[in-house]
Amino acid sequence: MGHFLCVHEGPLSIRQDLNPEPIREGNIISNEPGIYKEGEYGIRIENLLLCRKEKQTKFGNFLMFETLTLCPIDKTLINAQLLTNEELTWLNNYHNRIVEEVGPFLEPNVRNG
């Protein structure tokens, strides 16, 4: 993502500093949660998100992020006991979506693990 594969290309970003560029419908942004243990290792999961309309209420128009990237997350690296029910549900739904959308394009031996 980005111009000539330049990561963190502005003006759109999510950060603690003042960001004069609002996130708008149709924007694509990366979500990059990670953990780094100094002197040991680092792990980061990166997904692309599409900003799209969610709903309109008496309080205004609301947007949401739709995950675009469909690449499995290695569950052997996850301690599921540390996840909330909401996080575990998201992870399972994400993997189910991958199987449904990408699975038909894979050879059976790859699709079935």
C-alpha atoms as a PDB file:
ATOM      1  CA  MET A   1       0.000   0.000   0.000  1.00  0.00           C
ATOM      2  CA  GLY A   2       1.303   3.425  -0.764  1.00  0.00           C
ATOM      3  CA  HIS A   3       3.126   5.233  -3.510  1.00  0.00           C
ATOM      4  CA  PHE A   4       6.108   3.188  -4.683  1.00  0.00           C
ATOM      5  CA  LEU A   5       5.610   0.922  -1.643  1.00  0.00           C
ATOM      6  CA  CYS A   6       6.418   3.732   0.772  1.00  0.00           C
ATOM      7  CA  VAL A   7       4.934   2.732   4.138  1.00  0.00           C
ATOM      8  CA  HIS A   8       3.139   5.183   6.412  1.00  0.00           C
ATOM      9  CA  GLU A   9       2.478   7.512   3.529  1.00  0.00           C
ATOM     10  CA  GLY A  10       0.436  10.548   4.520  1.00  0.00           C
ATOM     11  CA  PRO A  11      -1.524  12.557   4.776  1.00  0.00           C
ATOM     12  CA  LEU A  12      -3.943   9.973   6.243  1.00  0.00           C
ATOM     13  CA  SER A  13      -2.873   8.249   9.461  1.00  0.00           C
ATOM     14  CA  ILE A  14      -3.972   7.337  12.943  1.00  0.00           C
ATOM     15  CA  ARG A  15      -1.595   8.715  15.532  1.00  0.00           C
ATOM     16  CA  GLN A  16      -1.433  10.501  18.866  1.00  0.00           C
ATOM     17  CA  ASP A  17      -0.213  13.749  17.308  1.00  0.00           C
ATOM     18  CA  LEU A  18      -2.631  16.230  15.781  1.00  0.00           C
ATOM     19  CA  ASN A  19      -3.731  14.896  12.417  1.00  0.00           C
ATOM     20  CA  PRO A  20      -5.313  17.569  10.212  1.00  0.00           C
ATOM     21  CA  GLU A  21      -6.523  14.996   7.665  1.00  0.00           C
ATOM     22  CA  PRO A  22      -9.795  13.297   8.704  1.00  0.00           C
ATOM     23  CA  ILE A  23     -10.534   9.693   7.852  1.00  0.00           C
ATOM     24  CA  ARG A  24     -13.197   9.626   5.146  1.00  0.00           C
ATOM     25  CA  GLU A  25     -15.377   7.058   3.449  1.00  0.00           C
ATOM     26  CA  GLY A  26     -13.372   5.241   0.786  1.00  0.00           C
ATOM     27  CA  ASN A  27      -9.999   5.693   2.508  1.00  0.00           C
ATOM     28  CA  ILE A  28      -7.811   2.623   2.889  1.00  0.00           C
ATOM     29  CA  ILE A  29      -5.512   2.498   5.896  1.00  0.00           C
ATOM     30  CA  SER A  30      -3.315  -0.131   7.512  1.00  0.00           C
ATOM     31  CA  ASN A  31      -3.925  -1.611  10.960  1.00  0.00           C
ATOM     32  CA  GLU A  32      -0.634  -2.770  12.482  1.00  0.00           C
ATOM     33  CA  PRO A  33      -0.918  -4.027  16.065  1.00  0.00           C
ATOM     34  CA  GLY A  34       2.333  -5.435  17.392  1.00  0.00           C
ATOM     35  CA  ILE A  35       4.429  -6.302  20.394  1.00  0.00           C
ATOM     36  CA  TYR A  36       8.177  -5.985  20.694  1.00  0.00           C
ATOM     37  CA  LYS A  37      10.331  -7.524  23.426  1.00  0.00           C
ATOM     38  CA  GLU A  38      13.602  -5.625  23.549  1.00  0.00           C
ATOM     39  CA  GLY A  39      16.529  -7.819  22.595  1.00  0.00           C
ATOM     40  CA  GLU A  40      14.244 -10.803  21.893  1.00  0.00           C
ATOM     41  CA  TYR A  41      11.692 -10.481  19.109  1.00  0.00           C
ATOM     42  CA  GLY A  42       8.883  -8.505  17.580  1.00  0.00           C
ATOM     43  CA  ILE A  43       5.569  -9.588  16.122  1.00  0.00           C
ATOM     44  CA  ARG A  44       3.260  -7.435  14.056  1.00  0.00           C
ATOM     45  CA  ILE A  45       0.044  -8.281  12.230  1.00  0.00           C
ATOM     46  CA  GLU A  46      -0.824  -5.982   9.354  1.00  0.00           C
ATOM     47  CA  ASN A  47      -4.206  -5.729   7.654  1.00  0.00           C
ATOM     48  CA  LEU A  48      -5.602  -3.199   5.241  1.00  0.00           C
ATOM     49  CA  LEU A  49      -8.892  -1.592   6.217  1.00  0.00           C
ATOM     50  CA  LEU A  50     -11.483   0.166   4.064  1.00  0.00           C
ATOM     51  CA  CYS A  51     -13.384   3.021   5.698  1.00  0.00           C
ATOM     52  CA  ARG A  52     -17.039   2.779   4.722  1.00  0.00           C
ATOM     53  CA  LYS A  53     -20.477   3.995   5.837  1.00  0.00           C
ATOM     54  CA  GLU A  54     -21.939   2.115   8.784  1.00  0.00           C
ATOM     55  CA  LYS A  55     -25.165   3.921   9.686  1.00  0.00           C
ATOM     56  CA  GLN A  56     -26.846   7.230  10.270  1.00  0.00           C
ATOM     57  CA  THR A  57     -28.435   8.084  13.601  1.00  0.00           C
ATOM     58  CA  LYS A  58     -29.797  11.230  15.211  1.00  0.00           C
ATOM     59  CA  PHE A  59     -26.196  11.880  16.269  1.00  0.00           C
ATOM     60  CA  GLY A  60     -24.861  11.894  12.719  1.00  0.00           C
ATOM     61  CA  ASN A  61     -23.246   9.638  10.113  1.00  0.00           C
ATOM     62  CA  PHE A  62     -21.020   6.856  11.387  1.00  0.00           C
ATOM     63  CA  LEU A  63     -18.205   5.078   9.574  1.00  0.00           C
ATOM     64  CA  MET A  64     -16.627   1.680  10.137  1.00  0.00           C
ATOM     65  CA  PHE A  65     -13.568  -0.235   9.003  1.00  0.00           C
ATOM     66  CA  GLU A  66     -13.903  -3.336   6.833  1.00  0.00           C
ATOM     67  CA  THR A  67     -10.916  -5.685   6.766  1.00  0.00           C
ATOM     68  CA  LEU A  68      -9.623  -6.135   3.207  1.00  0.00           C
ATOM     69  CA  THR A  69      -6.584  -8.345   3.762  1.00  0.00           C
ATOM     70  CA  LEU A  70      -7.387 -12.051   3.901  1.00  0.00           C
ATOM     71  CA  CYS A  71      -4.313 -13.810   5.251  1.00  0.00           C
ATOM     72  CA  PRO A  72      -4.602 -16.320   8.133  1.00  0.00           C
ATOM     73  CA  ILE A  73      -3.119 -15.437  11.505  1.00  0.00           C
ATOM     74  CA  ASP A  74      -1.042 -18.260  13.023  1.00  0.00           C
ATOM     75  CA  LYS A  75      -3.206 -19.311  15.955  1.00  0.00           C
ATOM     76  CA  THR A  76      -0.404 -21.400  17.474  1.00  0.00           C
ATOM     77  CA  LEU A  77       1.211 -18.091  18.468  1.00  0.00           C
ATOM     78  CA  ILE A  78      -1.902 -16.909  20.327  1.00  0.00           C
ATOM     79  CA  ASN A  79      -2.700 -17.561  23.966  1.00  0.00           C
ATOM     80  CA  ALA A  80      -6.488 -17.615  23.611  1.00  0.00           C
ATOM     81  CA  GLN A  81      -6.902 -17.279  27.374  1.00  0.00           C
ATOM     82  CA  LEU A  82      -5.635 -13.694  27.062  1.00  0.00           C
ATOM     83  CA  LEU A  83      -8.338 -12.776  24.531  1.00  0.00           C
ATOM     84  CA  THR A  84     -11.718 -11.347  25.377  1.00  0.00           C
ATOM     85  CA  ASN A  85     -14.800 -13.084  23.977  1.00  0.00           C
ATOM     86  CA  GLU A  86     -15.135 -10.238  21.479  1.00  0.00           C
ATOM     87  CA  GLU A  87     -11.514 -10.664  20.298  1.00  0.00           C
ATOM     88  CA  LEU A  88     -11.870 -14.443  20.007  1.00  0.00           C
ATOM     89  CA  THR A  89     -15.111 -14.049  18.050  1.00  0.00           C
ATOM     90  CA  TRP A  90     -13.407 -11.557  15.691  1.00  0.00           C
ATOM     91  CA  LEU A  91     -10.492 -13.962  15.122  1.00  0.00           C
ATOM     92  CA  ASN A  92     -12.773 -16.920  14.417  1.00  0.00           C
ATOM     93  CA  ASN A  93     -15.017 -14.870  12.108  1.00  0.00           C
ATOM     94  CA  TYR A  94     -11.936 -13.565  10.275  1.00  0.00           C
ATOM     95  CA  HIS A  95     -10.651 -17.098   9.648  1.00  0.00           C
ATOM     96  CA  ASN A  96     -14.120 -18.296   8.577  1.00  0.00           C
ATOM     97  CA  ARG A  97     -14.250 -15.435   6.069  1.00  0.00           C
ATOM     98  CA  ILE A  98     -10.854 -16.464   4.679  1.00  0.00           C
ATOM     99  CA  VAL A  99     -12.029 -20.060   4.210  1.00  0.00           C
ATOM    100  CA  GLU A 100     -15.225 -18.889   2.485  1.00  0.00           C
ATOM    101  CA  GLU A 101     -13.658 -16.282   0.183  1.00  0.00           C
ATOM    102  CA  VAL A 102     -10.176 -17.642  -0.527  1.00  0.00           C
ATOM    103  CA  GLY A 103     -10.709 -21.380   0.055  1.00  0.00           C
ATOM    104  CA  PRO A 104     -12.376 -22.103  -3.292  1.00  0.00           C
ATOM    105  CA  PHE A 105      -9.251 -20.854  -5.104  1.00  0.00           C
ATOM    106  CA  LEU A 106      -6.862 -23.157  -3.208  1.00  0.00           C
ATOM    107  CA  GLU A 107      -5.831 -26.711  -3.963  1.00  0.00           C
ATOM    108  CA  PRO A 108      -7.617 -29.132  -1.594  1.00  0.00           C
ATOM    109  CA  ASN A 109      -4.393 -30.150   0.203  1.00  0.00           C
ATOM    110  CA  VAL A 110      -3.659 -26.468   0.981  1.00  0.00           C
ATOM    111  CA  ARG A 111      -7.249 -25.590   1.859  1.00  0.00           C
ATOM    112  CA  ASN A 112      -7.596 -28.508   4.287  1.00  0.00           C
ATOM    113  CA  GLY A 113      -4.282 -27.888   6.019  1.00  0.00           C
END
